[in-house]
Amino acid sequence: MSGGADLLLNTIPFAASIPFEINFSLAPKDMKYFDLNYRADAPILKEAKKAGLVTIDGLLMLVEQAAKSFEIWTGIIAPRKAMMSTAKKWAHH
Protein backbone atom coordinates (compact mmCIF):
# COMPACT_ATOMS: atom_id res chain seq x y z
CA MET A 1 0.00 0.00 0.00
CA SER A 2 1.48 3.31 -1.00
CA GLY A 3 0.34 6.62 -2.34
CA GLY A 4 -1.65 9.48 -0.90
CA ALA A 5 -4.76 7.73 0.43
CA ASP A 6 -6.49 9.57 3.28
CA LEU A 7 -8.78 6.71 4.27
CA LEU A 8 -8.88 2.95 4.04
CA LEU A 9 -12.33 1.47 4.59
CA ASN A 10 -12.87 -2.20 5.41
CA THR A 11 -16.33 -3.62 4.70
CA ILE A 12 -15.45 -7.32 4.98
CA PRO A 13 -17.51 -9.01 7.74
CA PHE A 14 -15.62 -9.94 10.89
CA ALA A 15 -16.57 -13.60 10.59
CA ALA A 16 -15.48 -13.88 6.94
CA SER A 17 -12.49 -16.11 6.40
CA ILE A 18 -10.95 -14.21 3.52
CA PRO A 19 -7.18 -14.59 3.78
CA PHE A 20 -5.40 -11.36 2.94
CA GLU A 21 -2.91 -9.08 4.58
CA ILE A 22 -2.32 -5.36 4.48
CA ASN A 23 1.15 -3.94 4.99
CA PHE A 24 0.36 -0.82 6.98
CA SER A 25 4.04 0.11 7.20
CA LEU A 26 3.66 1.57 3.69
CA ALA A 27 0.57 3.62 4.56
CA PRO A 28 0.80 7.40 4.92
CA LYS A 29 1.07 8.16 8.64
CA ASP A 30 -1.94 10.51 8.49
CA MET A 31 -4.17 7.92 6.82
CA LYS A 32 -7.22 6.82 8.78
CA TYR A 33 -8.49 3.26 8.89
CA PHE A 34 -12.24 2.76 9.27
CA ASP A 35 -13.37 -0.79 9.91
CA LEU A 36 -17.13 -1.25 9.67
CA ASN A 37 -16.86 -4.14 12.10
CA TYR A 38 -17.93 -2.98 15.53
CA ARG A 39 -15.62 -5.32 17.40
CA ALA A 40 -12.39 -3.77 18.64
CA ASP A 41 -10.60 -7.09 18.19
CA ALA A 42 -11.11 -7.22 14.42
CA PRO A 43 -7.73 -8.46 13.12
CA ILE A 44 -7.07 -5.78 10.50
CA LEU A 45 -8.15 -3.03 12.91
CA LYS A 46 -5.61 -4.30 15.44
CA GLU A 47 -2.88 -4.27 12.77
CA ALA A 48 -3.72 -0.69 11.79
CA LYS A 49 -3.53 0.37 15.45
CA LYS A 50 -0.14 -1.33 15.83
CA ALA A 51 1.08 0.64 12.80
CA GLY A 52 0.11 3.89 14.57
CA LEU A 53 -2.75 4.85 12.27
CA VAL A 54 -5.85 6.63 13.46
CA THR A 55 -8.46 3.88 13.62
CA ILE A 56 -12.23 3.95 13.85
CA ASP A 57 -14.34 0.88 14.44
CA GLY A 58 -17.92 0.52 13.21
CA LEU A 59 -19.58 0.90 16.60
CA LEU A 60 -20.37 4.59 16.09
CA MET A 61 -22.00 3.86 12.74
CA LEU A 62 -24.01 0.99 14.25
CA VAL A 63 -25.27 3.22 17.07
CA GLU A 64 -26.07 6.09 14.71
CA GLN A 65 -28.07 3.78 12.45
CA ALA A 66 -29.99 2.47 15.46
CA ALA A 67 -30.57 6.00 16.76
CA LYS A 68 -31.90 7.22 13.43
CA SER A 69 -34.22 4.21 13.16
CA PHE A 70 -35.46 4.85 16.72
CA GLU A 71 -36.17 8.50 15.84
CA ILE A 72 -37.97 7.64 12.59
CA TRP A 73 -40.20 5.06 14.28
CA THR A 74 -40.91 6.89 17.54
CA GLY A 75 -40.53 10.59 16.71
CA ILE A 76 -38.41 10.87 19.88
CA ILE A 77 -34.78 12.01 19.97
CA ALA A 78 -32.67 8.92 20.59
CA PRO A 79 -30.58 8.73 23.79
CA ARG A 80 -27.29 8.41 21.87
CA LYS A 81 -24.98 8.52 24.91
CA ALA A 82 -26.87 5.72 26.66
CA MET A 83 -27.04 3.74 23.43
CA MET A 84 -23.28 4.09 22.86
CA SER A 85 -22.51 3.15 26.46
CA THR A 86 -24.60 0.00 26.18
CA ALA A 87 -23.18 -0.85 22.76
CA LYS A 88 -19.60 -0.52 24.08
CA LYS A 89 -20.33 -2.89 26.95
CA TRP A 90 -21.86 -5.39 24.55
CA ALA A 91 -19.32 -5.16 21.72
CA HIS A 92 -16.10 -4.85 23.73
CA HIS A 93 -16.68 -7.51 26.37
PDB file of N, CA and C in Angstrom:
ATOM      1  N   MET A   1       0.847  -1.158   0.000  1.00  0.00           N
ATOM      2  CA  MET A   1       0.000   0.000   0.000  1.00  0.00           C
ATOM      3  C   MET A   1       0.899   1.229   0.000  1.00  0.00           C
ATOM      4  N   SER A   2       0.728   2.060  -0.967  1.00  0.00           N
ATOM      5  CA  SER A   2       1.482   3.309  -1.001  1.00  0.00           C
ATOM      6  C   SER A   2       0.658   4.343  -1.736  1.00  0.00           C
ATOM      7  N   GLY A   3       1.076   5.565  -1.678  1.00  0.00           N
ATOM      8  CA  GLY A   3       0.339   6.624  -2.335  1.00  0.00           C
ATOM      9  C   GLY A   3      -0.198   7.598  -1.311  1.00  0.00           C
ATOM     10  N   GLY A   4      -1.145   8.407  -1.743  1.00  0.00           N
ATOM     11  CA  GLY A   4      -1.649   9.476  -0.899  1.00  0.00           C
ATOM     12  C   GLY A   4      -3.041   9.242  -0.376  1.00  0.00           C
ATOM     13  N   ALA A   5      -3.418   8.016  -0.076  1.00  0.00           N
ATOM     14  CA  ALA A   5      -4.757   7.735   0.430  1.00  0.00           C
ATOM     15  C   ALA A   5      -4.962   8.380   1.797  1.00  0.00           C
ATOM     16  N   ASP A   6      -6.132   8.970   1.990  1.00  0.00           N
ATOM     17  CA  ASP A   6      -6.485   9.568   3.276  1.00  0.00           C
ATOM     18  C   ASP A   6      -7.243   8.592   4.167  1.00  0.00           C
ATOM     19  N   LEU A   7      -7.893   7.610   3.531  1.00  0.00           N
ATOM     20  CA  LEU A   7      -8.777   6.713   4.268  1.00  0.00           C
ATOM     21  C   LEU A   7      -8.763   5.338   3.634  1.00  0.00           C
ATOM     22  N   LEU A   8      -8.696   4.327   4.475  1.00  0.00           N
ATOM     23  CA  LEU A   8      -8.878   2.953   4.037  1.00  0.00           C
ATOM     24  C   LEU A   8     -10.099   2.438   4.767  1.00  0.00           C
ATOM     25  N   LEU A   9     -11.067   1.919   4.032  1.00  0.00           N
ATOM     26  CA  LEU A   9     -12.328   1.470   4.590  1.00  0.00           C
ATOM     27  C   LEU A   9     -12.474  -0.028   4.390  1.00  0.00           C
ATOM     28  N   ASN A  10     -12.681  -0.755   5.487  1.00  0.00           N
ATOM     29  CA  ASN A  10     -12.875  -2.198   5.412  1.00  0.00           C
ATOM     30  C   ASN A  10     -14.350  -2.516   5.591  1.00  0.00           C
ATOM     31  N   THR A  11     -14.926  -3.230   4.627  1.00  0.00           N
ATOM     32  CA  THR A  11     -16.328  -3.623   4.703  1.00  0.00           C
ATOM     33  C   THR A  11     -16.493  -5.137   4.776  1.00  0.00           C
ATOM     34  N   ILE A  12     -15.395  -5.857   4.924  1.00  0.00           N
ATOM     35  CA  ILE A  12     -15.452  -7.319   4.982  1.00  0.00           C
ATOM     36  C   ILE A  12     -15.953  -7.730   6.368  1.00  0.00           C
ATOM     37  N   PRO A  13     -16.976  -8.588   6.432  1.00  0.00           N
ATOM     38  CA  PRO A  13     -17.511  -9.009   7.740  1.00  0.00           C
ATOM     39  C   PRO A  13     -16.442  -9.647   8.619  1.00  0.00           C
ATOM     40  N   PHE A  14     -16.570  -9.430   9.910  1.00  0.00           N
ATOM     41  CA  PHE A  14     -15.622  -9.943  10.889  1.00  0.00           C
ATOM     42  C   PHE A  14     -15.480 -11.457  10.791  1.00  0.00           C
ATOM     43  N   ALA A  15     -16.582 -12.141  10.594  1.00  0.00           N
ATOM     44  CA  ALA A  15     -16.569 -13.605  10.585  1.00  0.00           C
ATOM     45  C   ALA A  15     -16.099 -14.201   9.246  1.00  0.00           C
ATOM     46  N   ALA A  16     -15.903 -13.369   8.247  1.00  0.00           N
ATOM     47  CA  ALA A  16     -15.481 -13.880   6.938  1.00  0.00           C
ATOM     48  C   ALA A  16     -14.059 -14.430   7.027  1.00  0.00           C
ATOM     49  N   SER A  17     -13.843 -15.515   6.372  1.00  0.00           N
ATOM     50  CA  SER A  17     -12.495 -16.109   6.400  1.00  0.00           C
ATOM     51  C   SER A  17     -11.826 -15.868   5.048  1.00  0.00           C
ATOM     52  N   ILE A  18     -11.601 -14.599   4.765  1.00  0.00           N
ATOM     53  CA  ILE A  18     -10.952 -14.209   3.521  1.00  0.00           C
ATOM     54  C   ILE A  18      -9.488 -13.926   3.856  1.00  0.00           C
ATOM     55  N   PRO A  19      -8.588 -14.778   3.406  1.00  0.00           N
ATOM     56  CA  PRO A  19      -7.177 -14.593   3.781  1.00  0.00           C
ATOM     57  C   PRO A  19      -6.493 -13.502   2.950  1.00  0.00           C
ATOM     58  N   PHE A  20      -6.208 -12.392   3.583  1.00  0.00           N
ATOM     59  CA  PHE A  20      -5.404 -11.357   2.938  1.00  0.00           C
ATOM     60  C   PHE A  20      -4.712 -10.550   4.024  1.00  0.00           C
ATOM     61  N   GLU A  21      -3.661  -9.883   3.633  1.00  0.00           N
ATOM     62  CA  GLU A  21      -2.905  -9.076   4.576  1.00  0.00           C
ATOM     63  C   GLU A  21      -2.710  -7.682   4.003  1.00  0.00           C
ATOM     64  N   ILE A  22      -2.591  -6.731   4.872  1.00  0.00           N
ATOM     65  CA  ILE A  22      -2.317  -5.355   4.483  1.00  0.00           C
ATOM     66  C   ILE A  22      -1.032  -4.946   5.180  1.00  0.00           C
ATOM     67  N   ASN A  23      -0.103  -4.417   4.418  1.00  0.00           N
ATOM     68  CA  ASN A  23       1.151  -3.943   4.987  1.00  0.00           C
ATOM     69  C   ASN A  23       0.989  -2.464   5.324  1.00  0.00           C
ATOM     70  N   PHE A  24       0.605  -2.197   6.562  1.00  0.00           N
ATOM     71  CA  PHE A  24       0.361  -0.823   6.981  1.00  0.00           C
ATOM     72  C   PHE A  24       1.637  -0.006   7.124  1.00  0.00           C
ATOM     73  N   SER A  25       2.795  -0.642   7.079  1.00  0.00           N
ATOM     74  CA  SER A  25       4.044   0.114   7.197  1.00  0.00           C
ATOM     75  C   SER A  25       4.244   1.029   5.986  1.00  0.00           C
ATOM     76  N   LEU A  26       3.556   0.739   4.892  1.00  0.00           N
ATOM     77  CA  LEU A  26       3.663   1.567   3.693  1.00  0.00           C
ATOM     78  C   LEU A  26       2.599   2.654   3.619  1.00  0.00           C
ATOM     79  N   ALA A  27       1.678   2.651   4.569  1.00  0.00           N
ATOM     80  CA  ALA A  27       0.575   3.621   4.558  1.00  0.00           C
ATOM     81  C   ALA A  27       1.060   4.993   5.000  1.00  0.00           C
ATOM     82  N   PRO A  28       0.488   6.058   4.425  1.00  0.00           N
ATOM     83  CA  PRO A  28       0.802   7.400   4.918  1.00  0.00           C
ATOM     84  C   PRO A  28       0.441   7.496   6.401  1.00  0.00           C
ATOM     85  N   LYS A  29       1.272   8.123   7.184  1.00  0.00           N
ATOM     86  CA  LYS A  29       1.068   8.164   8.639  1.00  0.00           C
ATOM     87  C   LYS A  29      -0.191   8.929   9.039  1.00  0.00           C
ATOM     88  N   ASP A  30      -0.717   9.775   8.157  1.00  0.00           N
ATOM     89  CA  ASP A  30      -1.943  10.509   8.493  1.00  0.00           C
ATOM     90  C   ASP A  30      -3.192   9.833   7.923  1.00  0.00           C
ATOM     91  N   MET A  31      -3.026   8.654   7.340  1.00  0.00           N
ATOM     92  CA  MET A  31      -4.169   7.915   6.820  1.00  0.00           C
ATOM     93  C   MET A  31      -5.007   7.395   7.977  1.00  0.00           C
ATOM     94  N   LYS A  32      -6.311   7.372   7.786  1.00  0.00           N
ATOM     95  CA  LYS A  32      -7.224   6.824   8.780  1.00  0.00           C
ATOM     96  C   LYS A  32      -7.744   5.483   8.281  1.00  0.00           C
ATOM     97  N   TYR A  33      -7.968   4.580   9.217  1.00  0.00           N
ATOM     98  CA  TYR A  33      -8.492   3.257   8.888  1.00  0.00           C
ATOM     99  C   TYR A  33      -9.847   3.106   9.565  1.00  0.00           C
ATOM    100  N   PHE A  34     -10.879   2.913   8.762  1.00  0.00           N
ATOM    101  CA  PHE A  34     -12.238   2.755   9.267  1.00  0.00           C
ATOM    102  C   PHE A  34     -12.689   1.341   8.972  1.00  0.00           C
ATOM    103  N   ASP A  35     -12.934   0.591  10.038  1.00  0.00           N
ATOM    104  CA  ASP A  35     -13.374  -0.789   9.914  1.00  0.00           C
ATOM    105  C   ASP A  35     -14.847  -0.836  10.297  1.00  0.00           C
ATOM    106  N   LEU A  36     -15.706  -1.228   9.379  1.00  0.00           N
ATOM    107  CA  LEU A  36     -17.135  -1.250   9.667  1.00  0.00           C
ATOM    108  C   LEU A  36     -17.519  -2.309  10.693  1.00  0.00           C
ATOM    109  N   ASN A  37     -16.612  -3.196  11.014  1.00  0.00           N
ATOM    110  CA  ASN A  37     -16.863  -4.139  12.097  1.00  0.00           C
ATOM    111  C   ASN A  37     -16.900  -3.359  13.404  1.00  0.00           C
ATOM    112  N   TYR A  38     -17.810  -3.714  14.273  1.00  0.00           N
ATOM    113  CA  TYR A  38     -17.927  -2.979  15.528  1.00  0.00           C
ATOM    114  C   TYR A  38     -17.156  -3.624  16.668  1.00  0.00           C
ATOM    115  N   ARG A  39     -16.424  -4.674  16.373  1.00  0.00           N
ATOM    116  CA  ARG A  39     -15.617  -5.325  17.400  1.00  0.00           C
ATOM    117  C   ARG A  39     -14.199  -4.757  17.384  1.00  0.00           C
ATOM    118  N   ALA A  40     -13.721  -4.354  18.534  1.00  0.00           N
ATOM    119  CA  ALA A  40     -12.386  -3.767  18.645  1.00  0.00           C
ATOM    120  C   ALA A  40     -11.287  -4.776  18.376  1.00  0.00           C
ATOM    121  N   ASP A  41     -11.629  -6.072  18.414  1.00  0.00           N
ATOM    122  CA  ASP A  41     -10.604  -7.094  18.191  1.00  0.00           C
ATOM    123  C   ASP A  41     -10.575  -7.598  16.748  1.00  0.00           C
ATOM    124  N   ALA A  42     -11.185  -6.857  15.826  1.00  0.00           N
ATOM    125  CA  ALA A  42     -11.113  -7.220  14.416  1.00  0.00           C
ATOM    126  C   ALA A  42      -9.634  -7.227  14.009  1.00  0.00           C
ATOM    127  N   PRO A  43      -9.162  -8.296  13.384  1.00  0.00           N
ATOM    128  CA  PRO A  43      -7.726  -8.460  13.118  1.00  0.00           C
ATOM    129  C   PRO A  43      -7.073  -7.308  12.345  1.00  0.00           C
ATOM    130  N   ILE A  44      -7.695  -6.849  11.302  1.00  0.00           N
ATOM    131  CA  ILE A  44      -7.068  -5.784  10.498  1.00  0.00           C
ATOM    132  C   ILE A  44      -7.063  -4.474  11.286  1.00  0.00           C
ATOM    133  N   LEU A  45      -8.105  -4.226  12.065  1.00  0.00           N
ATOM    134  CA  LEU A  45      -8.152  -3.033  12.910  1.00  0.00           C
ATOM    135  C   LEU A  45      -6.993  -3.041  13.904  1.00  0.00           C
ATOM    136  N   LYS A  46      -6.728  -4.184  14.500  1.00  0.00           N
ATOM    137  CA  LYS A  46      -5.610  -4.299  15.438  1.00  0.00           C
ATOM    138  C   LYS A  46      -4.275  -4.027  14.742  1.00  0.00           C
ATOM    139  N   GLU A  47      -4.120  -4.511  13.523  1.00  0.00           N
ATOM    140  CA  GLU A  47      -2.880  -4.272  12.774  1.00  0.00           C
ATOM    141  C   GLU A  47      -2.708  -2.789  12.462  1.00  0.00           C
ATOM    142  N   ALA A  48      -3.783  -2.127  12.084  1.00  0.00           N
ATOM    143  CA  ALA A  48      -3.720  -0.690  11.787  1.00  0.00           C
ATOM    144  C   ALA A  48      -3.335   0.095  13.037  1.00  0.00           C
ATOM    145  N   LYS A  49      -3.882  -0.290  14.187  1.00  0.00           N
ATOM    146  CA  LYS A  49      -3.529   0.372  15.448  1.00  0.00           C
ATOM    147  C   LYS A  49      -2.051   0.183  15.758  1.00  0.00           C
ATOM    148  N   LYS A  50      -1.562  -1.056  15.564  1.00  0.00           N
ATOM    149  CA  LYS A  50      -0.144  -1.328  15.827  1.00  0.00           C
ATOM    150  C   LYS A  50       0.757  -0.478  14.946  1.00  0.00           C
ATOM    151  N   ALA A  51       0.293  -0.165  13.736  1.00  0.00           N
ATOM    152  CA  ALA A  51       1.080   0.644  12.803  1.00  0.00           C
ATOM    153  C   ALA A  51       1.002   2.132  13.136  1.00  0.00           C
ATOM    154  N   GLY A  52       0.202   2.494  14.137  1.00  0.00           N
ATOM    155  CA  GLY A  52       0.115   3.886  14.565  1.00  0.00           C
ATOM    156  C   GLY A  52      -0.888   4.726  13.792  1.00  0.00           C
ATOM    157  N   LEU A  53      -1.753   4.085  13.019  1.00  0.00           N
ATOM    158  CA  LEU A  53      -2.749   4.845  12.269  1.00  0.00           C
ATOM    159  C   LEU A  53      -3.929   5.218  13.158  1.00  0.00           C
ATOM    160  N   VAL A  54      -4.601   6.291  12.795  1.00  0.00           N
ATOM    161  CA  VAL A  54      -5.851   6.634  13.459  1.00  0.00           C
ATOM    162  C   VAL A  54      -6.866   5.593  13.004  1.00  0.00           C
ATOM    163  N   THR A  55      -7.515   4.937  13.960  1.00  0.00           N
ATOM    164  CA  THR A  55      -8.465   3.884  13.622  1.00  0.00           C
ATOM    165  C   THR A  55      -9.851   4.212  14.177  1.00  0.00           C
ATOM    166  N   ILE A  56     -10.844   3.762  13.449  1.00  0.00           N
ATOM    167  CA  ILE A  56     -12.233   3.950  13.848  1.00  0.00           C
ATOM    168  C   ILE A  56     -12.928   2.621  13.620  1.00  0.00           C
ATOM    169  N   ASP A  57     -13.587   2.107  14.666  1.00  0.00           N
ATOM    170  CA  ASP A  57     -14.341   0.884  14.437  1.00  0.00           C
ATOM    171  C   ASP A  57     -15.780   1.247  14.080  1.00  0.00           C
ATOM    172  N   GLY A  58     -16.577   0.272  13.716  1.00  0.00           N
ATOM    173  CA  GLY A  58     -17.921   0.517  13.212  1.00  0.00           C
ATOM    174  C   GLY A  58     -18.983   0.718  14.268  1.00  0.00           C
ATOM    175  N   LEU A  59     -18.595   0.768  15.544  1.00  0.00           N
ATOM    176  CA  LEU A  59     -19.585   0.898  16.598  1.00  0.00           C
ATOM    177  C   LEU A  59     -20.368   2.210  16.506  1.00  0.00           C
ATOM    178  N   LEU A  60     -19.684   3.306  16.214  1.00  0.00           N
ATOM    179  CA  LEU A  60     -20.372   4.594  16.091  1.00  0.00           C
ATOM    180  C   LEU A  60     -21.412   4.537  14.975  1.00  0.00           C
ATOM    181  N   MET A  61     -21.048   3.954  13.850  1.00  0.00           N
ATOM    182  CA  MET A  61     -21.998   3.858  12.743  1.00  0.00           C
ATOM    183  C   MET A  61     -23.195   2.988  13.131  1.00  0.00           C
ATOM    184  N   LEU A  62     -22.941   1.870  13.810  1.00  0.00           N
ATOM    185  CA  LEU A  62     -24.013   0.992  14.247  1.00  0.00           C
ATOM    186  C   LEU A  62     -24.981   1.733  15.169  1.00  0.00           C
ATOM    187  N   VAL A  63     -24.432   2.474  16.134  1.00  0.00           N
ATOM    188  CA  VAL A  63     -25.273   3.221  17.072  1.00  0.00           C
ATOM    189  C   VAL A  63     -26.043   4.330  16.355  1.00  0.00           C
ATOM    190  N   GLU A  64     -25.390   5.022  15.446  1.00  0.00           N
ATOM    191  CA  GLU A  64     -26.074   6.091  14.709  1.00  0.00           C
ATOM    192  C   GLU A  64     -27.211   5.547  13.846  1.00  0.00           C
ATOM    193  N   GLN A  65     -27.000   4.393  13.234  1.00  0.00           N
ATOM    194  CA  GLN A  65     -28.069   3.775  12.450  1.00  0.00           C
ATOM    195  C   GLN A  65     -29.245   3.404  13.354  1.00  0.00           C
ATOM    196  N   ALA A  66     -28.937   2.842  14.510  1.00  0.00           N
ATOM    197  CA  ALA A  66     -29.987   2.472  15.459  1.00  0.00           C
ATOM    198  C   ALA A  66     -30.721   3.712  15.965  1.00  0.00           C
ATOM    199  N   ALA A  67     -29.969   4.766  16.259  1.00  0.00           N
ATOM    200  CA  ALA A  67     -30.574   5.997  16.764  1.00  0.00           C
ATOM    201  C   ALA A  67     -31.510   6.608  15.722  1.00  0.00           C
ATOM    202  N   LYS A  68     -31.060   6.640  14.492  1.00  0.00           N
ATOM    203  CA  LYS A  68     -31.904   7.217  13.432  1.00  0.00           C
ATOM    204  C   LYS A  68     -33.175   6.394  13.251  1.00  0.00           C
ATOM    205  N   SER A  69     -33.043   5.081  13.275  1.00  0.00           N
ATOM    206  CA  SER A  69     -34.224   4.212  13.163  1.00  0.00           C
ATOM    207  C   SER A  69     -35.189   4.468  14.318  1.00  0.00           C
ATOM    208  N   PHE A  70     -34.647   4.565  15.530  1.00  0.00           N
ATOM    209  CA  PHE A  70     -35.460   4.855  16.715  1.00  0.00           C
ATOM    210  C   PHE A  70     -36.233   6.152  16.518  1.00  0.00           C
ATOM    211  N   GLU A  71     -35.544   7.189  16.030  1.00  0.00           N
ATOM    212  CA  GLU A  71     -36.174   8.501  15.839  1.00  0.00           C
ATOM    213  C   GLU A  71     -37.251   8.459  14.758  1.00  0.00           C
ATOM    214  N   ILE A  72     -36.986   7.745  13.669  1.00  0.00           N
ATOM    215  CA  ILE A  72     -37.972   7.637  12.591  1.00  0.00           C
ATOM    216  C   ILE A  72     -39.235   6.942  13.098  1.00  0.00           C
ATOM    217  N   TRP A  73     -39.058   5.855  13.838  1.00  0.00           N
ATOM    218  CA  TRP A  73     -40.198   5.056  14.280  1.00  0.00           C
ATOM    219  C   TRP A  73     -40.956   5.681  15.448  1.00  0.00           C
ATOM    220  N   THR A  74     -40.246   6.384  16.330  1.00  0.00           N
ATOM    221  CA  THR A  74     -40.911   6.893  17.535  1.00  0.00           C
ATOM    222  C   THR A  74     -41.170   8.401  17.507  1.00  0.00           C
ATOM    223  N   GLY A  75     -40.405   9.135  16.700  1.00  0.00           N
ATOM    224  CA  GLY A  75     -40.529  10.589  16.713  1.00  0.00           C
ATOM    225  C   GLY A  75     -39.850  11.219  17.916  1.00  0.00           C
ATOM    226  N   ILE A  76     -39.099  10.413  18.676  1.00  0.00           N
ATOM    227  CA  ILE A  76     -38.410  10.872  19.882  1.00  0.00           C
ATOM    228  C   ILE A  76     -36.910  10.910  19.604  1.00  0.00           C
ATOM    229  N   ILE A  77     -36.228  11.930  20.131  1.00  0.00           N
ATOM    230  CA  ILE A  77     -34.780  12.010  19.968  1.00  0.00           C
ATOM    231  C   ILE A  77     -34.140  10.846  20.712  1.00  0.00           C
ATOM    232  N   ALA A  78     -33.299  10.115  20.018  1.00  0.00           N
ATOM    233  CA  ALA A  78     -32.667   8.921  20.590  1.00  0.00           C
ATOM    234  C   ALA A  78     -31.649   9.297  21.663  1.00  0.00           C
ATOM    235  N   PRO A  79     -31.563   8.494  22.732  1.00  0.00           N
ATOM    236  CA  PRO A  79     -30.580   8.729  23.793  1.00  0.00           C
ATOM    237  C   PRO A  79     -29.211   8.170  23.377  1.00  0.00           C
ATOM    238  N   ARG A  80     -28.519   8.904  22.486  1.00  0.00           N
ATOM    239  CA  ARG A  80     -27.289   8.407  21.873  1.00  0.00           C
ATOM    240  C   ARG A  80     -26.204   8.030  22.889  1.00  0.00           C
ATOM    241  N   LYS A  81     -26.028   8.829  23.925  1.00  0.00           N
ATOM    242  CA  LYS A  81     -24.983   8.516  24.913  1.00  0.00           C
ATOM    243  C   LYS A  81     -25.273   7.190  25.602  1.00  0.00           C
ATOM    244  N   ALA A  82     -26.500   6.974  26.002  1.00  0.00           N
ATOM    245  CA  ALA A  82     -26.869   5.716  26.657  1.00  0.00           C
ATOM    246  C   ALA A  82     -26.744   4.552  25.679  1.00  0.00           C
ATOM    247  N   MET A  83     -27.136   4.785  24.445  1.00  0.00           N
ATOM    248  CA  MET A  83     -27.038   3.740  23.430  1.00  0.00           C
ATOM    249  C   MET A  83     -25.576   3.365  23.189  1.00  0.00           C
ATOM    250  N   MET A  84     -24.704   4.362  23.100  1.00  0.00           N
ATOM    251  CA  MET A  84     -23.283   4.093  22.861  1.00  0.00           C
ATOM    252  C   MET A  84     -22.668   3.376  24.064  1.00  0.00           C
ATOM    253  N   SER A  85     -23.032   3.791  25.257  1.00  0.00           N
ATOM    254  CA  SER A  85     -22.509   3.149  26.456  1.00  0.00           C
ATOM    255  C   SER A  85     -22.898   1.667  26.491  1.00  0.00           C
ATOM    256  N   THR A  86     -24.133   1.386  26.200  1.00  0.00           N
ATOM    257  CA  THR A  86     -24.603  -0.001  26.178  1.00  0.00           C
ATOM    258  C   THR A  86     -23.935  -0.788  25.064  1.00  0.00           C
ATOM    259  N   ALA A  87     -23.810  -0.176  23.905  1.00  0.00           N
ATOM    260  CA  ALA A  87     -23.181  -0.848  22.761  1.00  0.00           C
ATOM    261  C   ALA A  87     -21.717  -1.180  23.062  1.00  0.00           C
ATOM    262  N   LYS A  88     -21.004  -0.265  23.722  1.00  0.00           N
ATOM    263  CA  LYS A  88     -19.596  -0.523  24.076  1.00  0.00           C
ATOM    264  C   LYS A  88     -19.479  -1.699  25.024  1.00  0.00           C
ATOM    265  N   LYS A  89     -20.360  -1.765  26.002  1.00  0.00           N
ATOM    266  CA  LYS A  89     -20.334  -2.887  26.951  1.00  0.00           C
ATOM    267  C   LYS A  89     -20.583  -4.203  26.221  1.00  0.00           C
ATOM    268  N   TRP A  90     -21.496  -4.188  25.285  1.00  0.00           N
ATOM    269  CA  TRP A  90     -21.859  -5.385  24.554  1.00  0.00           C
ATOM    270  C   TRP A  90     -20.779  -5.803  23.560  1.00  0.00           C
ATOM    271  N   ALA A  91     -20.254  -4.850  22.805  1.00  0.00           N
ATOM    272  CA  ALA A  91     -19.318  -5.159  21.721  1.00  0.00           C
ATOM    273  C   ALA A  91     -17.894  -5.395  22.206  1.00  0.00           C
ATOM    274  N   HIS A  92     -17.494  -4.791  23.277  1.00  0.00           N
ATOM    275  CA  HIS A  92     -16.100  -4.848  23.726  1.00  0.00           C
ATOM    276  C   HIS A  92     -15.918  -5.706  24.966  1.00  0.00           C
ATOM    277  N   HIS A  93     -16.807  -6.651  25.191  1.00  0.00           N
ATOM    278  CA  HIS A  93     -16.682  -7.514  26.373  1.00  0.00           C
ATOM    279  C   HIS A  93     -15.677  -8.606  26.167  1.00  0.00           C
TER     280      HIS A  93
END
